[in-house]
Amino acid sequence: MDVEGGRKAYRSDLSDERWALVEPFISAWKARHRSVSGHSGRYPMREIVNAILYQERTGVQ
């Protein structure tokens, strides 16, 4: 399965169902912590969460 952006999905990636549970909290946090420069971010928040979960699962080599 491919993920938005063209990369292959990892086992640690959030399912759509789990993302639906987490996304409101992340969006609320992001709304309270806006960038001073107005930058909206280069990467989707879901991909950032997926990266954190991947690192947690595999460790830091």
Protein backbone atom coordinates (compact mmCIF):
# COMPACT_ATOMS: atom_id res chain seq x y z
CA MET A 1 0.00 0.00 0.00
CA ASP A 2 1.28 3.44 -0.88
CA VAL A 3 0.90 6.44 1.38
CA GLU A 4 0.20 9.98 0.22
CA GLY A 5 3.50 11.25 -1.14
CA GLY A 6 4.35 7.95 -2.84
CA ARG A 7 6.22 6.07 -0.13
CA LYS A 8 5.39 2.53 0.93
CA ALA A 9 3.39 2.20 4.16
CA TYR A 10 5.15 0.82 7.25
CA ARG A 11 3.50 -1.50 9.77
CA SER A 12 3.83 1.26 12.36
CA ASP A 13 1.80 3.78 10.26
CA LEU A 14 -1.51 4.90 11.67
CA SER A 15 -4.59 3.36 10.11
CA ASP A 16 -7.28 5.75 8.89
CA GLU A 17 -9.38 4.79 11.91
CA ARG A 18 -6.60 5.54 14.40
CA TRP A 19 -5.70 8.78 12.63
CA ALA A 20 -9.36 9.84 12.93
CA LEU A 21 -9.02 9.45 16.71
CA VAL A 22 -5.70 11.31 17.01
CA GLU A 23 -6.11 14.06 14.43
CA PRO A 24 -8.49 16.33 16.42
CA PHE A 25 -5.97 16.55 19.28
CA ILE A 26 -3.05 17.28 16.96
CA SER A 27 -5.03 19.89 15.03
CA ALA A 28 -6.08 21.59 18.28
CA TRP A 29 -2.47 21.62 19.52
CA LYS A 30 -1.23 23.00 16.21
CA ALA A 31 -3.90 25.75 16.28
CA ARG A 32 -2.66 26.85 19.74
CA HIS A 33 1.01 26.75 18.70
CA ARG A 34 1.12 28.70 15.47
CA SER A 35 4.42 29.51 13.83
CA VAL A 36 5.73 33.01 14.52
CA SER A 37 6.72 33.31 10.84
CA GLY A 38 3.34 32.05 9.64
CA HIS A 39 4.86 28.89 8.16
CA SER A 40 2.23 26.15 8.00
CA GLY A 41 4.69 23.27 7.90
CA ARG A 42 6.34 21.38 5.09
CA TYR A 43 5.06 17.91 6.00
CA PRO A 44 1.58 16.68 6.86
CA MET A 45 1.12 16.10 10.58
CA ARG A 46 0.06 12.50 9.93
CA GLU A 47 3.46 11.81 8.35
CA ILE A 48 5.23 13.36 11.34
CA VAL A 49 3.25 11.13 13.72
CA ASN A 50 4.01 8.12 11.51
CA ALA A 51 7.73 8.96 11.67
CA ILE A 52 7.62 9.17 15.47
CA LEU A 53 5.82 5.82 15.67
CA TYR A 54 8.32 4.23 13.27
CA GLN A 55 11.25 5.47 15.34
CA GLU A 56 9.59 4.23 18.52
CA ARG A 57 9.05 0.81 16.97
CA THR A 58 12.52 0.38 15.45
CA GLY A 59 14.66 2.36 17.87
CA VAL A 60 17.41 4.78 17.02
CA GLN A 61 20.21 2.98 15.21
